[in-house]
Structure formats: C-alpha cells, structure tokens
Amino acid sequence: MANTSAGEFIIDKEMGYSRFEFLNQFKLFAGELNYSISGNSIKLLADSTAATSTSPNITQLIITFSEQSDRIIGSLIIPRLFVNFHFINYTQEQYKQFFKKFDLSFQRGGG
C-alpha cells in the first residue's frame, strides 16, 4: 500500500565532496528540474501543477550545506560537507525515490 500522506522529513548526510564538486555534481543530477542556488543553499521546487485549490501546499526540498571542512588522515586530506535535506510536503515514498536517484548519482567509485 502506498504512503500518500505528505509531511516533512529532515535528513543529514556527511559527504566526501568539496563545495565546488558538490555543486557541479548537483547540477548534473538536477538536469531540467526547477531549482535555485543561493550561497550554501539549494531550493528545489516540484512542478507548479502539483498545487491545487484543495491542496495548495507546494512540494519542495531545501538543501543546505556547511562550509567545507577537511578530514585529515596522516598526509591524506579528504574534503567533506555536512548536508541537510529538508523535504516539505513529500510522502515517504517520494523522499525515498529522491535519495535512490541522488545516492546513485553521488556515489564515488572505489575498489
């Protein structure tokens, strides 16, 4: 049975990306989606046809990220960002579908 009740979901992730890498990868991931970038924040809006007179709430996602910090392990320096995903008026199924695509797009190769 599908989860149809919309709500708010907040997810935090620590990601091994520099700010520059994260924004470039996000632009590739987002493609033709309706989004805007301002400072350390990305706002993603759903299709405006989703809001109706009986359901005026617009589905949106606000992604904020910290200033880049580095994780240092010996002489190895790994960039990292703390990223917060704030889903508004998403169903549990919608946010899970988003992360399925997001995680696939942002995964790093490894051996």
N, C-alpha and C. Protein backbone atom coordinates (compact mmCIF):
# COMPACT_ATOMS: atom_id res chain seq x y z
N MET A 1 0.85 -1.17 0.00
CA MET A 1 0.00 0.00 0.00
C MET A 1 0.90 1.24 0.00
N ALA A 2 0.60 2.19 -0.85
CA ALA A 2 1.42 3.40 -0.99
C ALA A 2 1.16 4.38 0.14
N ASN A 3 2.21 5.03 0.56
CA ASN A 3 2.08 6.07 1.59
C ASN A 3 1.70 7.37 0.89
N THR A 4 0.51 7.88 1.16
CA THR A 4 0.04 9.07 0.46
C THR A 4 0.03 10.32 1.33
N SER A 5 0.24 10.19 2.62
CA SER A 5 0.21 11.38 3.47
C SER A 5 1.54 12.11 3.38
N ALA A 6 1.44 13.40 3.06
CA ALA A 6 2.64 14.21 2.90
C ALA A 6 3.08 14.76 4.25
N GLY A 7 4.34 14.97 4.39
CA GLY A 7 4.87 15.51 5.63
C GLY A 7 6.25 16.09 5.42
N GLU A 8 6.91 16.37 6.52
CA GLU A 8 8.27 16.90 6.48
C GLU A 8 9.25 15.82 6.91
N PHE A 9 10.34 15.76 6.20
CA PHE A 9 11.41 14.83 6.52
C PHE A 9 12.71 15.62 6.50
N ILE A 10 13.55 15.40 7.50
CA ILE A 10 14.85 16.06 7.57
C ILE A 10 15.92 14.98 7.67
N ILE A 11 16.84 15.01 6.73
CA ILE A 11 17.92 14.03 6.67
C ILE A 11 19.25 14.77 6.64
N ASP A 12 20.20 14.30 7.43
CA ASP A 12 21.55 14.87 7.43
C ASP A 12 22.53 13.84 6.87
N LYS A 13 23.46 14.31 6.05
CA LYS A 13 24.49 13.44 5.49
C LYS A 13 25.84 14.13 5.60
N GLU A 14 26.86 13.35 5.82
CA GLU A 14 28.23 13.82 5.72
C GLU A 14 28.76 13.29 4.39
N MET A 15 29.21 14.19 3.53
CA MET A 15 29.60 13.78 2.19
C MET A 15 31.06 14.16 1.90
N GLY A 16 31.76 13.28 1.24
CA GLY A 16 33.17 13.49 0.90
C GLY A 16 33.33 14.28 -0.38
N TYR A 17 32.80 15.49 -0.38
CA TYR A 17 32.85 16.38 -1.54
C TYR A 17 33.31 17.77 -1.10
N SER A 18 34.01 18.46 -2.00
CA SER A 18 34.24 19.88 -1.79
C SER A 18 32.97 20.60 -2.21
N ARG A 19 32.84 21.85 -1.83
CA ARG A 19 31.66 22.64 -2.23
C ARG A 19 31.54 22.69 -3.75
N PHE A 20 32.67 22.95 -4.42
CA PHE A 20 32.71 23.02 -5.87
C PHE A 20 32.25 21.71 -6.51
N GLU A 21 32.79 20.59 -6.03
CA GLU A 21 32.41 19.28 -6.57
C GLU A 21 30.93 18.99 -6.33
N PHE A 22 30.44 19.31 -5.13
CA PHE A 22 29.05 19.04 -4.79
C PHE A 22 28.11 19.81 -5.72
N LEU A 23 28.38 21.11 -5.90
CA LEU A 23 27.50 21.92 -6.75
C LEU A 23 27.54 21.45 -8.21
N ASN A 24 28.72 21.11 -8.70
CA ASN A 24 28.81 20.60 -10.08
C ASN A 24 28.05 19.29 -10.24
N GLN A 25 28.21 18.39 -9.29
CA GLN A 25 27.51 17.10 -9.37
C GLN A 25 26.01 17.31 -9.21
N PHE A 26 25.60 18.24 -8.36
CA PHE A 26 24.17 18.51 -8.19
C PHE A 26 23.56 19.02 -9.50
N LYS A 27 24.27 19.90 -10.18
CA LYS A 27 23.75 20.44 -11.46
C LYS A 27 23.56 19.32 -12.48
N LEU A 28 24.48 18.36 -12.51
CA LEU A 28 24.32 17.21 -13.40
C LEU A 28 23.13 16.36 -12.97
N PHE A 29 23.01 16.14 -11.68
CA PHE A 29 21.91 15.34 -11.13
C PHE A 29 20.56 16.01 -11.40
N ALA A 30 20.46 17.31 -11.16
CA ALA A 30 19.18 18.02 -11.23
C ALA A 30 18.70 18.22 -12.66
N GLY A 31 19.62 18.35 -13.60
CA GLY A 31 19.24 18.49 -15.00
C GLY A 31 18.23 19.60 -15.23
N GLU A 32 17.05 19.24 -15.67
CA GLU A 32 16.00 20.20 -16.02
C GLU A 32 15.06 20.52 -14.86
N LEU A 33 15.36 20.04 -13.67
CA LEU A 33 14.49 20.32 -12.52
C LEU A 33 14.49 21.81 -12.20
N ASN A 34 13.44 22.26 -11.54
CA ASN A 34 13.30 23.67 -11.15
C ASN A 34 14.02 23.88 -9.82
N TYR A 35 15.21 24.48 -9.86
CA TYR A 35 15.96 24.72 -8.64
C TYR A 35 16.66 26.06 -8.70
N SER A 36 17.02 26.56 -7.52
CA SER A 36 17.82 27.79 -7.44
C SER A 36 18.89 27.58 -6.38
N ILE A 37 20.05 28.18 -6.62
CA ILE A 37 21.19 28.08 -5.70
C ILE A 37 21.48 29.47 -5.18
N SER A 38 21.59 29.56 -3.85
CA SER A 38 21.91 30.83 -3.21
C SER A 38 22.85 30.55 -2.05
N GLY A 39 24.09 30.97 -2.18
CA GLY A 39 25.07 30.72 -1.11
C GLY A 39 25.25 29.24 -0.87
N ASN A 40 25.01 28.80 0.35
CA ASN A 40 25.13 27.39 0.71
C ASN A 40 23.77 26.72 0.81
N SER A 41 22.87 27.10 -0.08
CA SER A 41 21.52 26.57 -0.05
C SER A 41 21.01 26.33 -1.47
N ILE A 42 20.28 25.23 -1.63
CA ILE A 42 19.64 24.90 -2.89
C ILE A 42 18.17 24.68 -2.60
N LYS A 43 17.31 25.30 -3.38
CA LYS A 43 15.87 25.13 -3.23
C LYS A 43 15.35 24.46 -4.49
N LEU A 44 14.69 23.34 -4.30
CA LEU A 44 14.16 22.56 -5.41
C LEU A 44 12.65 22.56 -5.29
N LEU A 45 11.96 23.06 -6.31
CA LEU A 45 10.50 23.11 -6.30
C LEU A 45 9.94 22.05 -7.23
N ALA A 46 8.83 21.45 -6.79
CA ALA A 46 8.14 20.49 -7.64
C ALA A 46 7.39 21.23 -8.72
N ASP A 47 6.89 20.52 -9.67
CA ASP A 47 6.08 21.10 -10.74
C ASP A 47 4.94 21.90 -10.14
N SER A 48 4.74 23.12 -10.60
CA SER A 48 3.73 24.00 -10.03
C SER A 48 2.32 23.47 -10.21
N THR A 49 2.12 22.51 -11.10
CA THR A 49 0.79 21.94 -11.29
C THR A 49 0.41 21.02 -10.12
N ALA A 50 1.37 20.71 -9.27
CA ALA A 50 1.09 19.84 -8.12
C ALA A 50 0.19 20.53 -7.11
N ALA A 51 0.25 21.85 -7.04
CA ALA A 51 -0.59 22.58 -6.09
C ALA A 51 -1.95 22.84 -6.72
N THR A 52 -3.00 22.54 -5.98
CA THR A 52 -4.36 22.77 -6.46
C THR A 52 -5.10 23.57 -5.41
N SER A 53 -6.33 23.94 -5.71
CA SER A 53 -7.11 24.71 -4.75
C SER A 53 -7.41 23.89 -3.49
N THR A 54 -7.51 22.56 -3.63
CA THR A 54 -7.76 21.73 -2.45
C THR A 54 -6.48 21.36 -1.74
N SER A 55 -5.36 21.46 -2.42
CA SER A 55 -4.05 21.15 -1.83
C SER A 55 -3.04 22.20 -2.26
N PRO A 56 -3.10 23.39 -1.64
CA PRO A 56 -2.23 24.48 -2.08
C PRO A 56 -0.76 24.33 -1.67
N ASN A 57 -0.47 23.32 -0.88
CA ASN A 57 0.91 23.14 -0.40
C ASN A 57 1.81 22.69 -1.54
N ILE A 58 2.89 23.39 -1.71
CA ILE A 58 3.84 23.06 -2.77
C ILE A 58 4.91 22.15 -2.20
N THR A 59 5.21 21.11 -2.96
CA THR A 59 6.26 20.18 -2.57
C THR A 59 7.60 20.83 -2.88
N GLN A 60 8.45 20.91 -1.86
CA GLN A 60 9.77 21.50 -2.09
C GLN A 60 10.82 20.81 -1.25
N LEU A 61 12.04 20.98 -1.67
CA LEU A 61 13.19 20.44 -0.97
C LEU A 61 14.19 21.56 -0.80
N ILE A 62 14.64 21.74 0.43
CA ILE A 62 15.67 22.74 0.71
C ILE A 62 16.92 21.98 1.17
N ILE A 63 17.99 22.17 0.43
CA ILE A 63 19.26 21.52 0.74
C ILE A 63 20.22 22.60 1.22
N THR A 64 20.73 22.46 2.43
CA THR A 64 21.73 23.39 2.93
C THR A 64 23.00 22.60 3.26
N PHE A 65 24.13 23.24 3.08
CA PHE A 65 25.38 22.56 3.38
C PHE A 65 26.34 23.50 4.09
N SER A 66 27.17 22.89 4.92
CA SER A 66 28.13 23.63 5.72
C SER A 66 29.25 24.17 4.84
N GLU A 67 30.05 25.01 5.44
CA GLU A 67 31.30 25.38 4.78
C GLU A 67 32.15 24.11 4.72
N GLN A 68 32.95 24.01 3.71
CA GLN A 68 33.77 22.82 3.55
C GLN A 68 34.77 22.72 4.69
N SER A 69 34.89 21.53 5.21
CA SER A 69 35.96 21.24 6.17
C SER A 69 36.71 20.03 5.62
N ASP A 70 37.86 19.77 6.15
CA ASP A 70 38.66 18.65 5.65
C ASP A 70 38.84 17.62 6.74
N ARG A 71 38.83 16.38 6.34
CA ARG A 71 39.18 15.28 7.24
C ARG A 71 40.63 14.92 6.89
N ILE A 72 41.49 14.94 7.90
CA ILE A 72 42.91 14.67 7.68
C ILE A 72 43.27 13.35 8.34
N ILE A 73 43.79 12.45 7.51
CA ILE A 73 44.23 11.14 7.98
C ILE A 73 45.67 10.99 7.52
N GLY A 74 46.60 11.24 8.44
CA GLY A 74 48.01 11.25 8.08
C GLY A 74 48.27 12.36 7.08
N SER A 75 48.79 12.00 5.92
CA SER A 75 49.04 13.01 4.89
C SER A 75 47.88 13.11 3.89
N LEU A 76 46.83 12.33 4.11
CA LEU A 76 45.67 12.32 3.23
C LEU A 76 44.66 13.37 3.69
N ILE A 77 44.23 14.23 2.78
CA ILE A 77 43.23 15.26 3.09
C ILE A 77 41.99 14.99 2.25
N ILE A 78 40.86 14.75 2.92
CA ILE A 78 39.60 14.46 2.24
C ILE A 78 38.62 15.58 2.52
N PRO A 79 38.11 16.23 1.47
CA PRO A 79 37.12 17.29 1.70
C PRO A 79 35.82 16.68 2.21
N ARG A 80 35.07 17.47 2.99
CA ARG A 80 33.77 16.98 3.44
C ARG A 80 32.81 18.14 3.66
N LEU A 81 31.56 17.82 3.40
CA LEU A 81 30.46 18.75 3.63
C LEU A 81 29.42 18.05 4.49
N PHE A 82 28.82 18.80 5.38
CA PHE A 82 27.65 18.32 6.11
C PHE A 82 26.44 18.89 5.37
N VAL A 83 25.59 17.99 4.87
CA VAL A 83 24.48 18.39 4.02
C VAL A 83 23.17 18.05 4.71
N ASN A 84 22.25 19.02 4.72
CA ASN A 84 20.94 18.85 5.34
C ASN A 84 19.88 18.90 4.25
N PHE A 85 19.01 17.90 4.22
CA PHE A 85 17.92 17.82 3.26
C PHE A 85 16.61 18.00 4.02
N HIS A 86 15.86 19.04 3.68
CA HIS A 86 14.59 19.33 4.34
C HIS A 86 13.48 19.18 3.30
N PHE A 87 12.78 18.06 3.38
CA PHE A 87 11.69 17.76 2.45
C PHE A 87 10.40 18.31 3.03
N ILE A 88 9.67 19.10 2.24
CA ILE A 88 8.41 19.70 2.69
C ILE A 88 7.29 19.21 1.77
N ASN A 89 6.25 18.64 2.37
CA ASN A 89 5.10 18.09 1.65
C ASN A 89 5.48 16.93 0.74
N TYR A 90 6.44 16.15 1.16
CA TYR A 90 6.82 14.93 0.45
C TYR A 90 6.19 13.74 1.17
N THR A 91 5.85 12.71 0.42
CA THR A 91 5.46 11.45 1.05
C THR A 91 6.75 10.68 1.33
N GLN A 92 6.65 9.68 2.16
CA GLN A 92 7.82 8.86 2.47
C GLN A 92 8.34 8.20 1.19
N GLU A 93 7.45 7.76 0.33
CA GLU A 93 7.85 7.14 -0.93
C GLU A 93 8.58 8.14 -1.83
N GLN A 94 8.12 9.39 -1.89
CA GLN A 94 8.77 10.41 -2.72
C GLN A 94 10.19 10.70 -2.26
N TYR A 95 10.37 10.86 -0.93
CA TYR A 95 11.73 11.18 -0.49
C TYR A 95 12.66 9.97 -0.64
N LYS A 96 12.13 8.77 -0.50
CA LYS A 96 12.96 7.58 -0.72
C LYS A 96 13.36 7.46 -2.18
N GLN A 97 12.45 7.78 -3.10
CA GLN A 97 12.78 7.77 -4.53
C GLN A 97 13.84 8.82 -4.85
N PHE A 98 13.71 10.00 -4.23
CA PHE A 98 14.70 11.05 -4.44
C PHE A 98 16.09 10.54 -4.04
N PHE A 99 16.19 9.95 -2.83
CA PHE A 99 17.50 9.51 -2.36
C PHE A 99 18.04 8.33 -3.16
N LYS A 100 17.17 7.51 -3.69
CA LYS A 100 17.64 6.41 -4.52
C LYS A 100 18.40 6.97 -5.73
N LYS A 101 17.84 7.99 -6.37
CA LYS A 101 18.49 8.62 -7.52
C LYS A 101 19.69 9.47 -7.09
N PHE A 102 19.52 10.22 -6.00
CA PHE A 102 20.59 11.09 -5.51
C PHE A 102 21.82 10.28 -5.13
N ASP A 103 21.62 9.24 -4.32
CA ASP A 103 22.76 8.43 -3.87
C ASP A 103 23.47 7.75 -5.04
N LEU A 104 22.71 7.31 -6.03
CA LEU A 104 23.32 6.69 -7.21
C LEU A 104 24.15 7.72 -7.97
N SER A 105 23.65 8.94 -8.10
CA SER A 105 24.36 9.99 -8.81
C SER A 105 25.61 10.47 -8.08
N PHE A 106 25.57 10.44 -6.75
CA PHE A 106 26.67 11.00 -5.95
C PHE A 106 27.64 9.94 -5.44
N GLN A 107 27.41 8.66 -5.75
CA GLN A 107 28.35 7.66 -5.25
C GLN A 107 29.69 7.80 -5.93
N ARG A 108 30.72 7.53 -5.19
CA ARG A 108 32.09 7.60 -5.70
C ARG A 108 32.53 6.18 -6.04
N GLY A 109 33.37 6.07 -7.05
CA GLY A 109 33.92 4.77 -7.39
C GLY A 109 34.94 4.35 -6.34
N GLY A 110 35.16 3.09 -6.24
CA GLY A 110 36.12 2.61 -5.26
C GLY A 110 36.45 1.16 -5.55
N GLY A 111 37.39 0.66 -4.80
CA GLY A 111 37.81 -0.69 -5.12
C GLY A 111 37.82 -1.57 -3.98
